[in-house]
């Protein structure tokens, strides 16, 4: 039977983890379940300690006139920037050593001082995938969320100003609405600053060494993995 919702989910890449795991070989699915990948740091932790650099920070040192004609440029700190056409305009991206074009590069504390890499190469994960909504690290915005929040705030301000030009109620409450929106943004910024300070304090404590479980799983023979998978199915 044709399942339209499942077809759209497959096309958009929104299938659930259970469906993706069901397509994996039995040994691979067991390995992914029994030996989950461990992440030594999160993106929000590096944002709090200043271990992130975005394209907006790097492109400041480039002449605005040259941004229109250059297709590649190397920043003073050695990070290469490239352009990629996005519709009718071109957008600048940071080039990682693995070849991926990203909008933010990260530097872990245990890496060399001049090493900047993408989130995958740095083995980072978002706090939203590791912690609940009540965790302090969820209040620190990742680089992409910072850009989205800024654009959303600017869009709402434009909407209020546009509505005030055609409606008397919006015109009368225009200033109070804009002031209220600015207060909400300022409160969110203060909350993010407190969360970042807490993360910096936690960052100073010794961090336990993360065991490479996935490397240990890969070193096991297929026969032993099959035995472990059967034992896990019996005891489940």
C-alpha atoms as a PDB file:
ATOM      1  CA  UNK A   1       0.000   0.000   0.000  1.00  0.00           C
ATOM      2  CA  UNK A   2       1.290   3.448  -0.894  1.00  0.00           C
ATOM      3  CA  UNK A   3       2.102   5.494   2.190  1.00  0.00           C
ATOM      4  CA  UNK A   4       2.319   9.141   1.168  1.00  0.00           C
ATOM      5  CA  UNK A   5       3.634  10.336   4.528  1.00  0.00           C
ATOM      6  CA  UNK A   6       6.418   7.778   4.561  1.00  0.00           C
ATOM      7  CA  UNK A   7       7.312   8.602   0.961  1.00  0.00           C
ATOM      8  CA  UNK A   8       7.597  12.310   1.770  1.00  0.00           C
ATOM      9  CA  UNK A   9       9.638  11.503   4.851  1.00  0.00           C
ATOM     10  CA  UNK A  10      12.068   9.459   2.788  1.00  0.00           C
ATOM     11  CA  UNK A  11      12.364  12.166   0.150  1.00  0.00           C
ATOM     12  CA  UNK A  12      12.912  14.919   2.723  1.00  0.00           C
ATOM     13  CA  UNK A  13      15.221  12.786   4.835  1.00  0.00           C
ATOM     14  CA  UNK A  14      12.961  12.861   7.885  1.00  0.00           C
ATOM     15  CA  UNK A  15      12.644   9.194   8.575  1.00  0.00           C
ATOM     16  CA  UNK A  16      12.767   8.180  12.195  1.00  0.00           C
ATOM     17  CA  UNK A  17      15.778   6.504  13.718  1.00  0.00           C
ATOM     18  CA  UNK A  18      13.976   3.160  13.988  1.00  0.00           C
ATOM     19  CA  UNK A  19      13.262   3.069  10.249  1.00  0.00           C
ATOM     20  CA  UNK A  20      16.824   4.019   9.387  1.00  0.00           C
ATOM     21  CA  UNK A  21      18.150   1.393  11.756  1.00  0.00           C
ATOM     22  CA  UNK A  22      15.850  -1.227  10.269  1.00  0.00           C
ATOM     23  CA  UNK A  23      17.548  -0.816   6.878  1.00  0.00           C
ATOM     24  CA  UNK A  24      21.003  -1.391   8.355  1.00  0.00           C
ATOM     25  CA  UNK A  25      22.567  -4.843   8.420  1.00  0.00           C
ATOM     26  CA  UNK A  26      21.935  -6.701  11.692  1.00  0.00           C
ATOM     27  CA  UNK A  27      25.557  -6.440  12.838  1.00  0.00           C
ATOM     28  CA  UNK A  28      25.767  -2.723  11.975  1.00  0.00           C
ATOM     29  CA  UNK A  29      22.481  -1.965  13.747  1.00  0.00           C
ATOM     30  CA  UNK A  30      23.613  -3.857  16.844  1.00  0.00           C
ATOM     31  CA  UNK A  31      26.962  -2.051  16.800  1.00  0.00           C
ATOM     32  CA  UNK A  32      25.302   1.366  16.559  1.00  0.00           C
ATOM     33  CA  UNK A  33      22.942   0.546  19.422  1.00  0.00           C
ATOM     34  CA  UNK A  34      25.420  -1.056  21.801  1.00  0.00           C
ATOM     35  CA  UNK A  35      28.344   1.274  21.116  1.00  0.00           C
ATOM     36  CA  UNK A  36      26.884   4.770  20.681  1.00  0.00           C
ATOM     37  CA  UNK A  37      29.215   7.494  19.591  1.00  0.00           C
ATOM     38  CA  UNK A  38      30.571   9.675  22.375  1.00  0.00           C
ATOM     39  CA  UNK A  39      31.152  13.397  21.949  1.00  0.00           C
ATOM     40  CA  UNK A  40      33.803  15.036  24.126  1.00  0.00           C
ATOM     41  CA  UNK A  41      32.396  18.552  23.683  1.00  0.00           C
ATOM     42  CA  UNK A  42      29.270  20.316  22.510  1.00  0.00           C
ATOM     43  CA  UNK A  43      28.891  23.237  20.138  1.00  0.00           C
ATOM     44  CA  UNK A  44      27.456  25.432  22.890  1.00  0.00           C
ATOM     45  CA  UNK A  45      30.481  24.814  25.112  1.00  0.00           C
ATOM     46  CA  UNK A  46      32.869  26.034  22.446  1.00  0.00           C
ATOM     47  CA  UNK A  47      30.626  29.033  21.786  1.00  0.00           C
ATOM     48  CA  UNK A  48      30.816  29.923  25.492  1.00  0.00           C
ATOM     49  CA  UNK A  49      34.620  29.716  25.634  1.00  0.00           C
ATOM     50  CA  UNK A  50      35.165  31.466  22.300  1.00  0.00           C
ATOM     51  CA  UNK A  51      36.270  28.422  20.339  1.00  0.00           C
ATOM     52  CA  UNK A  52      34.185  29.237  17.271  1.00  0.00           C
ATOM     53  CA  UNK A  53      34.711  31.529  14.283  1.00  0.00           C
ATOM     54  CA  UNK A  54      32.001  32.316  11.740  1.00  0.00           C
ATOM     55  CA  UNK A  55      32.089  33.557   8.171  1.00  0.00           C
ATOM     56  CA  UNK A  56      30.770  36.928   9.353  1.00  0.00           C
ATOM     57  CA  UNK A  57      33.785  37.282  11.650  1.00  0.00           C
ATOM     58  CA  UNK A  58      36.244  36.374   8.904  1.00  0.00           C
ATOM     59  CA  UNK A  59      34.756  38.390   6.071  1.00  0.00           C
ATOM     60  CA  UNK A  60      35.187  41.660   8.004  1.00  0.00           C
ATOM     61  CA  UNK A  61      38.810  41.840   6.915  1.00  0.00           C
ATOM     62  CA  UNK A  62      37.895  41.720   3.217  1.00  0.00           C
ATOM     63  CA  UNK A  63      37.244  44.826   1.176  1.00  0.00           C
ATOM     64  CA  UNK A  64      33.489  45.083   0.367  1.00  0.00           C
ATOM     65  CA  UNK A  65      34.297  45.759  -3.282  1.00  0.00           C
ATOM     66  CA  UNK A  66      36.413  42.613  -3.518  1.00  0.00           C
ATOM     67  CA  UNK A  67      33.643  40.487  -2.066  1.00  0.00           C
ATOM     68  CA  UNK A  68      31.684  40.914  -5.292  1.00  0.00           C
ATOM     69  CA  UNK A  69      34.443  39.687  -7.614  1.00  0.00           C
ATOM     70  CA  UNK A  70      36.611  37.255  -5.639  1.00  0.00           C
ATOM     71  CA  UNK A  71      35.707  33.560  -5.665  1.00  0.00           C
ATOM     72  CA  UNK A  72      38.198  32.486  -2.992  1.00  0.00           C
ATOM     73  CA  UNK A  73      40.081  34.317  -0.269  1.00  0.00           C
ATOM     74  CA  UNK A  74      42.348  33.342   2.612  1.00  0.00           C
ATOM     75  CA  UNK A  75      41.891  35.179   5.885  1.00  0.00           C
ATOM     76  CA  UNK A  76      44.892  36.440   7.916  1.00  0.00           C
ATOM     77  CA  UNK A  77      44.585  33.490  10.319  1.00  0.00           C
ATOM     78  CA  UNK A  78      44.906  31.003   7.440  1.00  0.00           C
ATOM     79  CA  UNK A  79      41.232  30.030   6.978  1.00  0.00           C
ATOM     80  CA  UNK A  80      40.180  29.738   3.351  1.00  0.00           C
ATOM     81  CA  UNK A  81      36.859  31.196   2.242  1.00  0.00           C
ATOM     82  CA  UNK A  82      35.089  30.260  -0.987  1.00  0.00           C
ATOM     83  CA  UNK A  83      31.890  31.386  -2.680  1.00  0.00           C
ATOM     84  CA  UNK A  84      28.991  29.273  -3.851  1.00  0.00           C
ATOM     85  CA  UNK A  85      26.049  30.458  -5.908  1.00  0.00           C
ATOM     86  CA  UNK A  86      22.780  30.417  -3.967  1.00  0.00           C
ATOM     87  CA  UNK A  87      19.998  31.436  -6.330  1.00  0.00           C
ATOM     88  CA  UNK A  88      20.739  34.800  -7.880  1.00  0.00           C
ATOM     89  CA  UNK A  89      23.519  35.695  -5.452  1.00  0.00           C
ATOM     90  CA  UNK A  90      26.745  34.217  -4.171  1.00  0.00           C
ATOM     91  CA  UNK A  91      27.372  33.321  -0.573  1.00  0.00           C
ATOM     92  CA  UNK A  92      30.648  33.031   1.275  1.00  0.00           C
ATOM     93  CA  UNK A  93      31.521  29.806   3.079  1.00  0.00           C
ATOM     94  CA  UNK A  94      34.442  28.677   5.201  1.00  0.00           C
ATOM     95  CA  UNK A  95      36.309  25.709   3.763  1.00  0.00           C
ATOM     96  CA  UNK A  96      37.216  22.939   6.187  1.00  0.00           C
ATOM     97  CA  UNK A  97      40.179  20.654   5.714  1.00  0.00           C
ATOM     98  CA  UNK A  98      37.821  17.801   4.826  1.00  0.00           C
ATOM     99  CA  UNK A  99      36.454  19.804   1.889  1.00  0.00           C
ATOM    100  CA  UNK A 100      33.076  20.734   3.396  1.00  0.00           C
ATOM    101  CA  UNK A 101      31.723  24.269   3.061  1.00  0.00           C
ATOM    102  CA  UNK A 102      30.431  25.465   6.422  1.00  0.00           C
ATOM    103  CA  UNK A 103      29.412  28.742   8.024  1.00  0.00           C
ATOM    104  CA  UNK A 104      31.298  28.158  11.295  1.00  0.00           C
ATOM    105  CA  UNK A 105      34.575  26.521  12.275  1.00  0.00           C
ATOM    106  CA  UNK A 106      35.467  25.252  15.718  1.00  0.00           C
ATOM    107  CA  UNK A 107      38.645  24.715  17.714  1.00  0.00           C
ATOM    108  CA  UNK A 108      38.688  22.253  20.564  1.00  0.00           C
ATOM    109  CA  UNK A 109      40.870  22.907  23.619  1.00  0.00           C
ATOM    110  CA  UNK A 110      42.804  19.670  23.108  1.00  0.00           C
ATOM    111  CA  UNK A 111      43.669  20.569  19.503  1.00  0.00           C
ATOM    112  CA  UNK A 112      46.483  22.740  18.173  1.00  0.00           C
ATOM    113  CA  UNK A 113      46.014  26.485  18.494  1.00  0.00           C
ATOM    114  CA  UNK A 114      45.895  27.013  14.718  1.00  0.00           C
ATOM    115  CA  UNK A 115      43.579  24.092  13.929  1.00  0.00           C
ATOM    116  CA  UNK A 116      40.064  25.077  12.862  1.00  0.00           C
ATOM    117  CA  UNK A 117      37.676  22.424  11.607  1.00  0.00           C
ATOM    118  CA  UNK A 118      33.981  21.833  11.045  1.00  0.00           C
ATOM    119  CA  UNK A 119      31.612  20.282  13.536  1.00  0.00           C
ATOM    120  CA  UNK A 120      32.008  16.776  12.155  1.00  0.00           C
ATOM    121  CA  UNK A 121      35.789  16.841  12.109  1.00  0.00           C
ATOM    122  CA  UNK A 122      35.837  18.304  15.628  1.00  0.00           C
ATOM    123  CA  UNK A 123      33.437  15.567  16.813  1.00  0.00           C
ATOM    124  CA  UNK A 124      30.971  18.031  18.285  1.00  0.00           C
ATOM    125  CA  UNK A 125      27.295  17.608  18.983  1.00  0.00           C
ATOM    126  CA  UNK A 126      24.493  20.044  19.757  1.00  0.00           C
ATOM    127  CA  UNK A 127      23.247  20.244  23.331  1.00  0.00           C
ATOM    128  CA  UNK A 128      19.695  19.754  22.126  1.00  0.00           C
ATOM    129  CA  UNK A 129      20.610  16.172  21.210  1.00  0.00           C
ATOM    130  CA  UNK A 130      22.227  15.433  24.559  1.00  0.00           C
ATOM    131  CA  UNK A 131      20.342  17.416  27.210  1.00  0.00           C
ATOM    132  CA  UNK A 132      16.766  18.327  28.057  1.00  0.00           C
ATOM    133  CA  UNK A 133      15.230  21.773  27.711  1.00  0.00           C
ATOM    134  CA  UNK A 134      15.964  22.597  31.354  1.00  0.00           C
ATOM    135  CA  UNK A 135      19.730  22.233  30.933  1.00  0.00           C
ATOM    136  CA  UNK A 136      21.733  25.459  31.113  1.00  0.00           C
ATOM    137  CA  UNK A 137      23.604  24.781  27.902  1.00  0.00           C
ATOM    138  CA  UNK A 138      20.329  24.903  25.919  1.00  0.00           C
ATOM    139  CA  UNK A 139      20.167  28.668  26.587  1.00  0.00           C
ATOM    140  CA  UNK A 140      23.391  29.282  24.678  1.00  0.00           C
ATOM    141  CA  UNK A 141      22.686  29.719  20.984  1.00  0.00           C
ATOM    142  CA  UNK A 142      24.764  27.980  18.350  1.00  0.00           C
ATOM    143  CA  UNK A 143      26.041  30.158  15.463  1.00  0.00           C
ATOM    144  CA  UNK A 144      23.209  29.159  13.154  1.00  0.00           C
ATOM    145  CA  UNK A 145      20.574  29.799  15.813  1.00  0.00           C
ATOM    146  CA  UNK A 146      22.085  33.208  16.516  1.00  0.00           C
ATOM    147  CA  UNK A 147      21.669  34.161  12.867  1.00  0.00           C
ATOM    148  CA  UNK A 148      18.121  32.770  12.771  1.00  0.00           C
ATOM    149  CA  UNK A 149      17.133  34.622  15.950  1.00  0.00           C
ATOM    150  CA  UNK A 150      18.531  37.893  14.603  1.00  0.00           C
ATOM    151  CA  UNK A 151      16.701  37.532  11.287  1.00  0.00           C
ATOM    152  CA  UNK A 152      13.450  36.597  13.043  1.00  0.00           C
ATOM    153  CA  UNK A 153      13.645  39.650  15.308  1.00  0.00           C
ATOM    154  CA  UNK A 154      14.302  41.957  12.357  1.00  0.00           C
ATOM    155  CA  UNK A 155      11.423  40.385  10.437  1.00  0.00           C
ATOM    156  CA  UNK A 156       9.016  40.907  13.337  1.00  0.00           C
ATOM    157  CA  UNK A 157      10.093  44.543  13.664  1.00  0.00           C
ATOM    158  CA  UNK A 158       9.441  45.133   9.978  1.00  0.00           C
ATOM    159  CA  UNK A 159       6.043  43.448  10.258  1.00  0.00           C
ATOM    160  CA  UNK A 160       5.008  45.680  13.165  1.00  0.00           C
ATOM    161  CA  UNK A 161       6.141  48.824  11.341  1.00  0.00           C
ATOM    162  CA  UNK A 162       4.334  47.781   8.150  1.00  0.00           C
ATOM    163  CA  UNK A 163       1.121  47.047  10.044  1.00  0.00           C
ATOM    164  CA  UNK A 164       1.334  50.416  11.811  1.00  0.00           C
ATOM    165  CA  UNK A 165       1.195  52.201   8.461  1.00  0.00           C
ATOM    166  CA  UNK A 166      -2.181  50.718   7.509  1.00  0.00           C
ATOM    167  CA  UNK A 167      -3.922  50.059  10.826  1.00  0.00           C
ATOM    168  CA  UNK A 168      -4.791  52.547  13.564  1.00  0.00           C
ATOM    169  CA  UNK A 169      -4.446  50.062  16.446  1.00  0.00           C
ATOM    170  CA  UNK A 170      -0.966  48.993  15.353  1.00  0.00           C
ATOM    171  CA  UNK A 171       0.009  52.640  14.863  1.00  0.00           C
ATOM    172  CA  UNK A 172      -1.088  53.494  18.403  1.00  0.00           C
ATOM    173  CA  UNK A 173       0.755  50.562  19.982  1.00  0.00           C
ATOM    174  CA  UNK A 174       3.757  50.523  17.648  1.00  0.00           C
ATOM    175  CA  UNK A 175       6.307  51.967  20.072  1.00  0.00           C
ATOM    176  CA  UNK A 176       5.168  49.848  23.028  1.00  0.00           C
ATOM    177  CA  UNK A 177       5.296  46.663  20.957  1.00  0.00           C
ATOM    178  CA  UNK A 178       8.789  47.390  19.662  1.00  0.00           C
ATOM    179  CA  UNK A 179       9.959  48.241  23.177  1.00  0.00           C
ATOM    180  CA  UNK A 180       8.474  45.000  24.530  1.00  0.00           C
ATOM    181  CA  UNK A 181      10.181  42.989  21.791  1.00  0.00           C
ATOM    182  CA  UNK A 182      13.507  44.658  22.563  1.00  0.00           C
ATOM    183  CA  UNK A 183      13.070  43.839  26.269  1.00  0.00           C
ATOM    184  CA  UNK A 184      12.439  40.183  25.456  1.00  0.00           C
ATOM    185  CA  UNK A 185      15.556  40.026  23.297  1.00  0.00           C
ATOM    186  CA  UNK A 186      17.622  41.702  26.027  1.00  0.00           C
ATOM    187  CA  UNK A 187      16.300  39.239  28.622  1.00  0.00           C
ATOM    188  CA  UNK A 188      17.201  36.304  26.384  1.00  0.00           C
ATOM    189  CA  UNK A 189      20.689  37.735  25.899  1.00  0.00           C
ATOM    190  CA  UNK A 190      21.195  38.085  29.650  1.00  0.00           C
ATOM    191  CA  UNK A 191      20.024  34.518  30.179  1.00  0.00           C
ATOM    192  CA  UNK A 192      22.427  33.318  27.471  1.00  0.00           C
ATOM    193  CA  UNK A 193      25.283  35.236  29.109  1.00  0.00           C
ATOM    194  CA  UNK A 194      24.579  33.594  32.466  1.00  0.00           C
ATOM    195  CA  UNK A 195      24.457  30.165  30.831  1.00  0.00           C
ATOM    196  CA  UNK A 196      27.721  30.865  28.995  1.00  0.00           C
ATOM    197  CA  UNK A 197      29.373  31.901  32.268  1.00  0.00           C
ATOM    198  CA  UNK A 198      28.174  28.663  33.868  1.00  0.00           C
ATOM    199  CA  UNK A 199      29.572  26.647  30.951  1.00  0.00           C
ATOM    200  CA  UNK A 200      32.928  28.411  31.226  1.00  0.00           C
ATOM    201  CA  UNK A 201      33.031  27.544  34.906  1.00  0.00           C
ATOM    202  CA  UNK A 202      32.218  23.909  34.182  1.00  0.00           C
ATOM    203  CA  UNK A 203      34.822  23.915  31.437  1.00  0.00           C
ATOM    204  CA  UNK A 204      37.584  24.477  33.986  1.00  0.00           C
ATOM    205  CA  UNK A 205      36.854  21.239  35.815  1.00  0.00           C
ATOM    206  CA  UNK A 206      38.800  18.161  34.677  1.00  0.00           C
ATOM    207  CA  UNK A 207      36.901  16.321  31.986  1.00  0.00           C
ATOM    208  CA  UNK A 208      36.958  12.513  31.944  1.00  0.00           C
ATOM    209  CA  UNK A 209      38.544  10.917  28.934  1.00  0.00           C
ATOM    210  CA  UNK A 210      35.928   9.588  26.548  1.00  0.00           C
ATOM    211  CA  UNK A 211      36.532   5.998  25.615  1.00  0.00           C
ATOM    212  CA  UNK A 212      36.492   5.192  21.937  1.00  0.00           C
ATOM    213  CA  UNK A 213      33.654   2.661  22.068  1.00  0.00           C
ATOM    214  CA  UNK A 214      33.059   2.684  18.352  1.00  0.00           C
ATOM    215  CA  UNK A 215      36.719   1.851  17.647  1.00  0.00           C
ATOM    216  CA  UNK A 216      36.484  -1.007  20.133  1.00  0.00           C
ATOM    217  CA  UNK A 217      33.373  -2.313  18.387  1.00  0.00           C
ATOM    218  CA  UNK A 218      35.030  -2.155  14.999  1.00  0.00           C
ATOM    219  CA  UNK A 219      37.971  -4.182  16.277  1.00  0.00           C
ATOM    220  CA  UNK A 220      35.682  -7.081  17.202  1.00  0.00           C
ATOM    221  CA  UNK A 221      35.274  -9.903  14.759  1.00  0.00           C
ATOM    222  CA  UNK A 222      31.934 -10.392  12.966  1.00  0.00           C
ATOM    223  CA  UNK A 223      31.493 -13.742  14.690  1.00  0.00           C
ATOM    224  CA  UNK A 224      31.827 -12.182  18.150  1.00  0.00           C
ATOM    225  CA  UNK A 225      29.475  -9.367  17.227  1.00  0.00           C
ATOM    226  CA  UNK A 226      26.909 -11.902  16.053  1.00  0.00           C
ATOM    227  CA  UNK A 227      27.164 -13.755  19.388  1.00  0.00           C
ATOM    228  CA  UNK A 228      26.748 -10.504  21.332  1.00  0.00           C
ATOM    229  CA  UNK A 229      23.773  -9.546  19.190  1.00  0.00           C
ATOM    230  CA  UNK A 230      22.061 -12.878  19.902  1.00  0.00           C
ATOM    231  CA  UNK A 231      22.742 -12.560  23.650  1.00  0.00           C
ATOM    232  CA  UNK A 232      21.328  -9.064  23.616  1.00  0.00           C
ATOM    233  CA  UNK A 233      18.179 -10.302  21.839  1.00  0.00           C
ATOM    234  CA  UNK A 234      17.723 -13.088  24.415  1.00  0.00           C
ATOM    235  CA  UNK A 235      18.179 -10.865  27.476  1.00  0.00           C
ATOM    236  CA  UNK A 236      16.041  -8.000  26.089  1.00  0.00           C
END
